C-alpha atoms as a PDB file:
ATOM      1  CA  VAL A   1      -1.900 -33.187  38.315  1.00  0.00           C
ATOM      2  CA  SER A   2      -5.578 -32.853  39.263  1.00  0.00           C
ATOM      3  CA  THR A   3      -7.218 -35.705  41.090  1.00  0.00           C
ATOM      4  CA  ASP A   4     -10.983 -35.917  40.591  1.00  0.00           C
ATOM      5  CA  THR A   5     -11.630 -37.507  44.476  1.00  0.00           C
ATOM      6  CA  ALA A   6     -14.959 -39.399  44.342  1.00  0.00           C
ATOM      7  CA  PRO A   7     -17.466 -38.083  46.917  1.00  0.00           C
ATOM      8  CA  SER A   8     -17.309 -38.042  50.842  1.00  0.00           C
ATOM      9  CA  ASP A   9     -18.535 -41.785  51.321  1.00  0.00           C
ATOM     10  CA  THR A  10     -16.459 -44.476  52.881  1.00  0.00           C
ATOM     11  CA  ALA A  11     -15.198 -45.559  49.818  1.00  0.00           C
ATOM     12  CA  GLY A  12     -14.079 -42.068  48.076  1.00  0.00           C
ATOM     13  CA  ARG A  13     -12.519 -41.801  51.682  1.00  0.00           C
ATOM     14  CA  ALA A  14     -10.697 -44.884  50.952  1.00  0.00           C
ATOM     15  CA  ARG A  15      -9.442 -44.246  47.434  1.00  0.00           C
ATOM     16  CA  ALA A  16      -8.810 -40.594  48.151  1.00  0.00           C
ATOM     17  CA  ALA A  17      -6.430 -41.717  51.226  1.00  0.00           C
ATOM     18  CA  ALA A  18      -4.600 -44.636  49.039  1.00  0.00           C
ATOM     19  CA  VAL A  19      -3.528 -42.042  46.377  1.00  0.00           C
ATOM     20  CA  ALA A  20      -2.039 -39.597  48.965  1.00  0.00           C
ATOM     21  CA  ARG A  21      -0.304 -42.520  50.850  1.00  0.00           C
ATOM     22  CA  THR A  22       1.093 -43.984  46.997  1.00  0.00           C
ATOM     23  CA  TRP A  23       2.062 -41.967  44.397  1.00  0.00           C
ATOM     24  CA  ALA A  24       1.109 -38.520  45.135  1.00  0.00           C
ATOM     25  CA  ALA A  25       3.105 -38.462  48.664  1.00  0.00           C
ATOM     26  CA  ALA A  26       5.959 -37.885  46.622  1.00  0.00           C
ATOM     27  CA  PRO A  27       5.586 -36.623  42.920  1.00  0.00           C
ATOM     28  CA  ALA A  28       8.549 -36.781  40.716  1.00  0.00           C
ATOM     29  CA  GLU A  29      10.768 -33.565  40.956  1.00  0.00           C
ATOM     30  CA  GLY A  30       9.239 -30.272  39.642  1.00  0.00           C
ATOM     31  CA  SER A  31       5.352 -31.873  39.412  1.00  0.00           C
ATOM     32  CA  HIS A  32       2.280 -30.594  41.642  1.00  0.00           C
ATOM     33  CA  VAL A  33      -0.652 -32.534  42.926  1.00  0.00           C
ATOM     34  CA  TYR A  34      -4.575 -30.670  43.307  1.00  0.00           C
ATOM     35  CA  TYR A  35      -7.278 -32.551  44.931  1.00  0.00           C
ATOM     36  CA  PHE A  36     -10.699 -31.636  43.316  1.00  0.00           C
ATOM     37  CA  VAL A  37     -13.109 -31.621  45.802  1.00  0.00           C
ATOM     38  CA  ASP A  38     -17.176 -31.561  45.847  1.00  0.00           C
ATOM     39  CA  GLU A  39     -17.945 -30.969  49.092  1.00  0.00           C
ATOM     40  CA  ALA A  40     -19.087 -27.221  49.629  1.00  0.00           C
ATOM     41  CA  MET A  41     -17.165 -26.302  53.035  1.00  0.00           C
ATOM     42  CA  PRO A  42     -14.692 -28.193  55.631  1.00  0.00           C
ATOM     43  CA  PRO A  43     -14.415 -30.752  56.891  1.00  0.00           C
ATOM     44  CA  TYR A  44     -13.289 -32.209  53.477  1.00  0.00           C
ATOM     45  CA  HIS A  45     -13.125 -36.189  52.787  1.00  0.00           C
ATOM     46  CA  LEU A  46      -9.065 -35.568  52.503  1.00  0.00           C
ATOM     47  CA  PRO A  47      -6.363 -36.970  54.561  1.00  0.00           C
ATOM     48  CA  GLU A  48      -5.248 -34.011  56.694  1.00  0.00           C
ATOM     49  CA  SER A  49      -1.795 -33.870  55.265  1.00  0.00           C
ATOM     50  CA  ILE A  50      -3.353 -32.664  52.076  1.00  0.00           C
ATOM     51  CA  THR A  51      -3.385 -28.530  52.542  1.00  0.00           C
ATOM     52  CA  SER A  52      -5.566 -25.815  51.689  1.00  0.00           C
ATOM     53  CA  ASP A  53      -3.636 -24.812  48.580  1.00  0.00           C
ATOM     54  CA  GLN A  54      -4.221 -28.072  46.856  1.00  0.00           C
ATOM     55  CA  MET A  55      -8.173 -28.219  46.820  1.00  0.00           C
ATOM     56  CA  LEU A  56      -9.506 -27.113  43.891  1.00  0.00           C
ATOM     57  CA  LYS A  57     -13.195 -27.100  44.007  1.00  0.00           C
ATOM     58  CA  THR A  58     -15.711 -28.987  42.092  1.00  0.00           C
ATOM     59  CA  ILE A  59     -19.415 -29.980  42.041  1.00  0.00           C
ATOM     60  CA  ARG A  60     -21.135 -32.819  43.381  1.00  0.00           C
ATOM     61  CA  VAL A  61     -22.796 -34.761  40.891  1.00  0.00           C
ATOM     62  CA  ASN A  62     -23.959 -39.015  40.353  1.00  0.00           C
ATOM     63  CA  TYR A  63     -21.628 -41.275  38.027  1.00  0.00           C
ATOM     64  CA  GLN A  64     -24.316 -40.451  35.109  1.00  0.00           C
ATOM     65  CA  GLN A  65     -23.424 -36.463  35.749  1.00  0.00           C
ATOM     66  CA  LEU A  66     -19.960 -36.927  35.143  1.00  0.00           C
ATOM     67  CA  PRO A  67     -20.017 -34.860  32.087  1.00  0.00           C
ATOM     68  CA  GLU A  68     -21.449 -31.691  33.498  1.00  0.00           C
ATOM     69  CA  ARG A  69     -18.875 -32.195  36.436  1.00  0.00           C
ATOM     70  CA  THR A  70     -15.651 -32.611  34.190  1.00  0.00           C
ATOM     71  CA  ARG A  71     -17.179 -29.503  31.750  1.00  0.00           C
ATOM     72  CA  GLY A  72     -16.469 -27.175  35.027  1.00  0.00           C
ATOM     73  CA  MET A  73     -13.180 -28.738  35.789  1.00  0.00           C
ATOM     74  CA  LEU A  74     -12.117 -27.953  32.506  1.00  0.00           C
ATOM     75  CA  VAL A  75     -12.574 -24.213  32.696  1.00  0.00           C
ATOM     76  CA  ARG A  76     -11.262 -24.350  36.468  1.00  0.00           C
ATOM     77  CA  MET A  77      -8.032 -25.310  35.144  1.00  0.00           C
ATOM     78  CA  ASN A  78      -7.409 -22.510  33.404  1.00  0.00           C
ATOM     79  CA  SER A  79      -6.509 -20.122  35.805  1.00  0.00           C
ATOM     80  CA  GLN A  80      -3.694 -18.255  35.575  1.00  0.00           C
ATOM     81  CA  PRO A  81      -2.158 -19.027  38.563  1.00  0.00           C
ATOM     82  CA  LEU A  82      -1.987 -22.727  37.562  1.00  0.00           C
ATOM     83  CA  LEU A  83      -0.879 -22.206  34.225  1.00  0.00           C
ATOM     84  CA  ASP A  84       2.314 -19.915  35.261  1.00  0.00           C
ATOM     85  CA  ARG A  85       2.872 -22.761  37.730  1.00  0.00           C
ATOM     86  CA  CYS A  86       2.533 -26.095  35.289  1.00  0.00           C
ATOM     87  CA  ASP A  87       3.464 -26.915  31.743  1.00  0.00           C
ATOM     88  CA  TRP A  88       1.304 -30.005  31.557  1.00  0.00           C
ATOM     89  CA  PHE A  89      -2.064 -30.674  33.311  1.00  0.00           C
ATOM     90  CA  ALA A  90      -2.942 -34.370  34.341  1.00  0.00           C
ATOM     91  CA  MET A  91      -6.562 -35.052  35.299  1.00  0.00           C
ATOM     92  CA  VAL A  92      -6.693 -38.571  37.382  1.00  0.00           C
ATOM     93  CA  ASP A  93      -9.245 -40.202  39.070  1.00  0.00           C
ATOM     94  CA  ASP A  94      -8.788 -41.402  42.436  1.00  0.00           C
ATOM     95  CA  ASP A  95      -9.026 -44.950  41.715  1.00  0.00           C
ATOM     96  CA  THR A  96      -6.151 -44.771  38.997  1.00  0.00           C
ATOM     97  CA  TYR A  97      -2.058 -44.759  40.071  1.00  0.00           C
ATOM     98  CA  VAL A  98       0.584 -42.703  38.112  1.00  0.00           C
ATOM     99  CA  ASN A  99       3.770 -43.401  37.950  1.00  0.00           C
ATOM    100  CA  THR A 100       4.951 -39.547  37.687  1.00  0.00           C
ATOM    101  CA  ALA A 101       8.450 -40.314  37.216  1.00  0.00           C
ATOM    102  CA  ASN A 102       7.917 -41.802  34.163  1.00  0.00           C
ATOM    103  CA  ILE A 103       5.422 -38.910  33.126  1.00  0.00           C
ATOM    104  CA  VAL A 104       7.553 -36.060  33.719  1.00  0.00           C
ATOM    105  CA  SER A 105      10.663 -38.192  32.089  1.00  0.00           C
ATOM    106  CA  LYS A 106       8.226 -38.336  28.765  1.00  0.00           C
ATOM    107  CA  VAL A 107       6.608 -35.091  28.608  1.00  0.00           C
ATOM    108  CA  ARG A 108      10.606 -33.167  28.556  1.00  0.00           C
ATOM    109  CA  ASP A 109      10.540 -34.485  24.748  1.00  0.00           C
ATOM    110  CA  LEU A 110       7.536 -32.670  24.225  1.00  0.00           C
ATOM    111  CA  ASN A 111       6.312 -29.065  23.642  1.00  0.00           C
ATOM    112  CA  SER A 112       3.797 -27.829  26.026  1.00  0.00           C
ATOM    113  CA  SER A 113       3.527 -24.737  23.981  1.00  0.00           C
ATOM    114  CA  LYS A 114       1.884 -26.558  21.143  1.00  0.00           C
ATOM    115  CA  LEU A 115      -1.210 -28.382  21.059  1.00  0.00           C
ATOM    116  CA  HIS A 116      -1.740 -31.797  22.970  1.00  0.00           C
ATOM    117  CA  TYR A 117      -4.498 -34.174  24.434  1.00  0.00           C
ATOM    118  CA  MET A 118      -2.990 -37.446  25.446  1.00  0.00           C
ATOM    119  CA  GLY A 119      -3.123 -39.990  27.284  1.00  0.00           C
ATOM    120  CA  VAL A 120      -4.428 -44.033  26.199  1.00  0.00           C
ATOM    121  CA  VAL A 121      -6.719 -43.882  23.286  1.00  0.00           C
ATOM    122  CA  TYR A 122      -9.661 -45.730  22.677  1.00  0.00           C
ATOM    123  CA  LYS A 123     -12.234 -45.983  19.903  1.00  0.00           C
ATOM    124  CA  TYR A 124     -16.398 -44.698  20.788  1.00  0.00           C
ATOM    125  CA  ASN A 125     -19.309 -46.000  18.983  1.00  0.00           C
ATOM    126  CA  LYS A 126     -22.205 -43.882  19.279  1.00  0.00           C
ATOM    127  CA  PRO A 127     -24.915 -44.752  16.699  1.00  0.00           C
ATOM    128  CA  GLY A 128     -27.378 -42.283  15.528  1.00  0.00           C
ATOM    129  CA  GLY A 129     -25.424 -39.115  16.577  1.00  0.00           C
ATOM    130  CA  ASP A 130     -23.879 -36.772  14.314  1.00  0.00           C
ATOM    131  CA  TRP A 131     -20.408 -38.266  15.434  1.00  0.00           C
ATOM    132  CA  PRO A 132     -21.166 -42.004  16.066  1.00  0.00           C
ATOM    133  CA  SER A 133     -17.378 -43.136  16.259  1.00  0.00           C
ATOM    134  CA  GLY A 134     -14.146 -41.768  17.153  1.00  0.00           C
ATOM    135  CA  ARG A 135     -11.365 -41.704  19.124  1.00  0.00           C
ATOM    136  CA  PHE A 136     -11.003 -40.236  22.774  1.00  0.00           C
ATOM    137  CA  VAL A 137      -8.487 -40.667  25.578  1.00  0.00           C
ATOM    138  CA  HIS A 138      -9.935 -42.409  28.548  1.00  0.00           C
ATOM    139  CA  GLY A 139     -10.888 -40.660  31.421  1.00  0.00           C
ATOM    140  CA  ASP A 140      -8.832 -41.880  34.314  1.00  0.00           C
ATOM    141  CA  PHE A 141      -5.715 -40.027  32.749  1.00  0.00           C
ATOM    142  CA  LYS A 142      -6.016 -37.195  30.390  1.00  0.00           C
ATOM    143  CA  MET A 143      -3.040 -35.360  29.983  1.00  0.00           C
ATOM    144  CA  PHE A 144      -3.153 -31.322  28.356  1.00  0.00           C
ATOM    145  CA  SER A 145      -0.223 -29.500  27.603  1.00  0.00           C
ATOM    146  CA  ARG A 146      -0.259 -25.846  29.020  1.00  0.00           C
ATOM    147  CA  ALA A 147      -1.311 -24.568  25.435  1.00  0.00           C
ATOM    148  CA  ALA A 148      -4.739 -26.859  24.945  1.00  0.00           C
ATOM    149  CA  VAL A 149      -5.948 -25.912  28.708  1.00  0.00           C
ATOM    150  CA  PRO A 150      -7.343 -22.419  27.537  1.00  0.00           C
ATOM    151  CA  VAL A 151      -8.492 -24.112  23.801  1.00  0.00           C
ATOM    152  CA  LEU A 152     -10.010 -26.741  26.430  1.00  0.00           C
ATOM    153  CA  ALA A 153     -11.814 -24.550  28.402  1.00  0.00           C
ATOM    154  CA  GLU A 154     -12.923 -22.621  25.413  1.00  0.00           C
ATOM    155  CA  VAL A 155     -14.681 -25.707  24.072  1.00  0.00           C
ATOM    156  CA  ALA A 156     -16.113 -26.691  27.570  1.00  0.00           C
ATOM    157  CA  ALA A 157     -18.245 -23.522  27.177  1.00  0.00           C
ATOM    158  CA  ARG A 158     -18.758 -23.283  23.989  1.00  0.00           C
ATOM    159  CA  CYS A 159     -20.152 -26.958  23.127  1.00  0.00           C
ATOM    160  CA  ARG A 160     -23.565 -28.370  23.539  1.00  0.00           C
ATOM    161  CA  LEU A 161     -23.369 -31.615  23.066  1.00  0.00           C
ATOM    162  CA  TRP A 162     -22.639 -32.546  26.786  1.00  0.00           C
ATOM    163  CA  GLU A 163     -24.404 -35.486  27.629  1.00  0.00           C
ATOM    164  CA  PRO A 164     -25.049 -37.919  30.691  1.00  0.00           C
ATOM    165  CA  GLY A 165     -22.660 -41.096  30.624  1.00  0.00           C
ATOM    166  CA  MET A 166     -18.950 -40.626  29.191  1.00  0.00           C
ATOM    167  CA  GLU A 167     -17.117 -37.509  30.155  1.00  0.00           C
ATOM    168  CA  ASP A 168     -14.351 -38.385  28.090  1.00  0.00           C
ATOM    169  CA  VAL A 169     -16.014 -39.417  25.012  1.00  0.00           C
ATOM    170  CA  ASP A 170     -18.173 -36.129  25.015  1.00  0.00           C
ATOM    171  CA  ILE A 171     -14.430 -34.215  25.404  1.00  0.00           C
ATOM    172  CA  ALA A 172     -13.565 -35.630  21.746  1.00  0.00           C
ATOM    173  CA  ILE A 173     -16.624 -34.836  20.349  1.00  0.00           C
ATOM    174  CA  CYS A 174     -16.518 -31.149  21.807  1.00  0.00           C
ATOM    175  CA  LEU A 175     -13.603 -30.922  20.283  1.00  0.00           C
ATOM    176  CA  THR A 176     -14.616 -32.802  16.806  1.00  0.00           C
ATOM    177  CA  SER A 177     -17.692 -30.367  16.951  1.00  0.00           C
ATOM    178  CA  LEU A 178     -15.983 -27.031  17.112  1.00  0.00           C
ATOM    179  CA  GLY A 179     -13.381 -28.026  14.526  1.00  0.00           C
ATOM    180  CA  PHE A 180     -10.277 -29.043  16.770  1.00  0.00           C
ATOM    181  CA  SER A 181     -10.157 -32.882  15.487  1.00  0.00           C
ATOM    182  CA  SER A 182      -7.534 -31.940  13.294  1.00  0.00           C
ATOM    183  CA  THR A 183      -5.421 -29.866  15.761  1.00  0.00           C
ATOM    184  CA  MET A 184      -5.608 -31.345  18.682  1.00  0.00           C
ATOM    185  CA  PRO A 185      -6.499 -35.094  18.120  1.00  0.00           C
ATOM    186  CA  PRO A 186      -6.188 -37.852  20.704  1.00  0.00           C
ATOM    187  CA  GLU A 187      -2.208 -38.912  21.406  1.00  0.00           C
ATOM    188  CA  GLN A 188      -1.540 -42.359  22.447  1.00  0.00           C
ATOM    189  CA  PHE A 189       0.779 -42.000  25.459  1.00  0.00           C
ATOM    190  CA  GLY A 190       2.924 -43.872  28.733  1.00  0.00           C
ATOM    191  CA  THR A 191       2.389 -47.654  28.774  1.00  0.00           C
ATOM    192  CA  PHE A 192      -0.902 -48.646  31.193  1.00  0.00           C
ATOM    193  CA  VAL A 193      -2.656 -51.740  32.486  1.00  0.00           C
ATOM    194  CA  HIS A 194      -6.237 -51.116  32.566  1.00  0.00           C
ATOM    195  CA  ASP A 195      -8.847 -53.323  33.892  1.00  0.00           C
ATOM    196  CA  ASN A 196     -12.773 -51.033  33.284  1.00  0.00           C
ATOM    197  CA  ASP A 197     -15.120 -54.263  34.921  1.00  0.00           C
ATOM    198  CA  ARG A 198     -17.407 -52.331  36.919  1.00  0.00           C
ATOM    199  CA  ASP A 199     -19.078 -55.244  38.270  1.00  0.00           C
ATOM    200  CA  ASP A 200     -16.478 -57.299  39.780  1.00  0.00           C
ATOM    201  CA  HIS A 201     -13.503 -56.338  41.624  1.00  0.00           C
ATOM    202  CA  PRO A 202     -11.182 -55.048  38.851  1.00  0.00           C
ATOM    203  CA  LEU A 203      -7.812 -57.508  38.116  1.00  0.00           C
ATOM    204  CA  THR A 204      -5.203 -54.648  37.580  1.00  0.00           C
ATOM    205  CA  LEU A 205      -2.919 -55.099  39.923  1.00  0.00           C
ATOM    206  CA  GLN A 206      -2.349 -59.055  39.153  1.00  0.00           C
ATOM    207  CA  LYS A 207      -2.409 -57.723  35.301  1.00  0.00           C
ATOM    208  CA  ALA A 208       0.485 -55.519  36.103  1.00  0.00           C
ATOM    209  CA  LEU A 209       2.152 -58.202  38.215  1.00  0.00           C
ATOM    210  CA  GLN A 210       1.605 -60.714  35.385  1.00  0.00           C
ATOM    211  CA  GLN A 211       2.605 -58.591  32.440  1.00  0.00           C
ATOM    212  CA  SER A 212       5.829 -57.389  34.390  1.00  0.00           C
ATOM    213  CA  LYS A 213       6.698 -61.542  34.594  1.00  0.00           C
ATOM    214  CA  GLN A 214       6.053 -61.963  31.014  1.00  0.00           C
ATOM    215  CA  THR A 215       7.712 -59.095  29.146  1.00  0.00           C
ATOM    216  CA  ASN A 216      10.734 -59.233  31.732  1.00  0.00           C
ATOM    217  CA  GLN A 217      10.630 -55.671  32.663  1.00  0.00           C
ATOM    218  CA  SER A 218      10.090 -53.534  35.569  1.00  0.00           C
ATOM    219  CA  VAL A 219       6.942 -52.859  37.084  1.00  0.00           C
ATOM    220  CA  ALA A 220       8.410 -49.152  37.245  1.00  0.00           C
ATOM    221  CA  CYS A 221       7.810 -49.094  33.434  1.00  0.00           C
ATOM    222  CA  ILE A 222       3.913 -49.297  33.718  1.00  0.00           C
ATOM    223  CA  ASP A 223       2.969 -45.076  33.569  1.00  0.00           C
ATOM    224  CA  ILE A 224      -0.522 -45.740  34.444  1.00  0.00           C
ATOM    225  CA  LEU A 225      -3.128 -48.510  36.043  1.00  0.00           C
ATOM    226  CA  HIS A 226      -6.579 -48.335  36.133  1.00  0.00           C
ATOM    227  CA  LYS A 227      -8.823 -49.473  37.739  1.00  0.00           C
ATOM    228  CA  MET A 228      -7.521 -49.796  41.187  1.00  0.00           C
ATOM    229  CA  PHE A 229      -8.954 -50.257  44.550  1.00  0.00           C
ATOM    230  CA  PRO A 230      -7.390 -48.998  47.613  1.00  0.00           C
ATOM    231  CA  GLU A 231      -5.308 -52.036  48.732  1.00  0.00           C
ATOM    232  CA  ASP A 232      -4.540 -52.954  45.525  1.00  0.00           C
ATOM    233  CA  MET A 233      -2.892 -49.387  44.746  1.00  0.00           C
ATOM    234  CA  LEU A 234      -0.897 -49.772  48.175  1.00  0.00           C
ATOM    235  CA  ALA A 235       0.526 -52.880  46.922  1.00  0.00           C
ATOM    236  CA  PHE A 236       1.382 -51.898  43.850  1.00  0.00           C
ATOM    237  CA  HIS A 237       3.116 -48.727  45.354  1.00  0.00           C
ATOM    238  CA  SER A 238       5.201 -51.535  47.489  1.00  0.00           C
ATOM    239  CA  HIS A 239       6.094 -53.475  44.090  1.00  0.00           C
ATOM    240  CA  VAL A 240       7.185 -50.404  42.677  1.00  0.00           C
ATOM    241  CA  ARG A 241       9.144 -48.824  45.334  1.00  0.00           C
ATOM    242  CA  SER A 242      11.044 -52.256  45.482  1.00  0.00           C
ATOM    243  CA  ALA A 243      11.622 -52.663  41.708  1.00  0.00           C
ATOM    244  CA  PRO A 244      14.584 -52.358  40.184  1.00  0.00           C
ATOM    245  CA  ALA A 245      14.566 -48.828  37.582  1.00  0.00           C
ATOM    246  CA  CYS A 246      12.934 -49.234  34.313  1.00  0.00           C
ATOM    247  CA  LEU A 247      15.745 -49.112  31.556  1.00  0.00           C
ATOM    248  CA  ARG A 248      13.070 -48.315  28.876  1.00  0.00           C
ATOM    249  CA  LYS A 249      13.854 -45.336  26.749  1.00  0.00           C
ATOM    250  CA  SER A 250      11.830 -42.607  28.136  1.00  0.00           C
ATOM    251  CA  ALA A 251      10.653 -40.870  25.618  1.00  0.00           C
ATOM    252  CA  ALA A 252       9.393 -44.099  24.369  1.00  0.00           C
ATOM    253  CA  LEU A 253       5.593 -43.079  24.495  1.00  0.00           C
ATOM    254  CA  VAL A 254       4.210 -46.751  23.578  1.00  0.00           C
ATOM    255  CA  SER A 255       1.372 -48.811  24.954  1.00  0.00           C
ATOM    256  CA  MET A 256       1.977 -52.423  26.354  1.00  0.00           C
ATOM    257  CA  LEU A 257      -1.768 -53.316  26.016  1.00  0.00           C
ATOM    258  CA  PRO A 258      -3.999 -53.155  22.667  1.00  0.00           C
ATOM    259  CA  LYS A 259      -6.449 -50.881  22.524  1.00  0.00           C
ATOM    260  CA  LYS A 260     -10.115 -51.965  22.878  1.00  0.00           C
ATOM    261  CA  ASN A 261     -13.641 -50.076  21.969  1.00  0.00           C
ATOM    262  CA  LYS A 262     -15.735 -48.410  24.429  1.00  0.00           C
ATOM    263  CA  THR A 263     -19.532 -48.586  23.748  1.00  0.00           C
END
């Protein structure tokens, strides 16, 4: 798992600390957490518990330039030490909560030597372009098989369609433009709760607790939550730790919520 951390402002430090204190503090057996950092040199905006061998360098950009940052990160992941150590790679935003035990359990039934590009699948609409609509994996949690990582690195380097704005949509468009839409299509993976509101405080925590109550299923059955403020991430982690184990079949790659369009 590689966590994309925000710039070293107050909010970025708080989000990185929340990730380090919750789901990334003790990831599932066999999994590893790395942090993409955008400072040129120490001190980094990560908690002291994060060691230097967990850090991967990236460039500092504003929100509109995230596609360029993501492009470089896809290339950076394609390194032999990481490929030797990991069968599955997840790129995670620092305002996203991940239940690593659920993720590890579910990928056991999948083959990492096959091409997989997975996560929460949405539809995009970009009128006027060569690819005006299609499906993509939402940027909060993008998961790739080991076999897909070198392909994505090549696609990232060759594709000339990276534009300011939505890096997750650009990945899907680049894959399509270079002929990978049939061999590596977006795959729905995992259970999730999303609140993508950028203006107000996201209600992801409240929605997750409500969903758990309505479905009579443990909050531990939710794999991915986005967006989460640091205080909500800490609160949800407390709920997961005290909740009963998830009884849902581990191989069930099912979404709990309907897909939305992204424009």
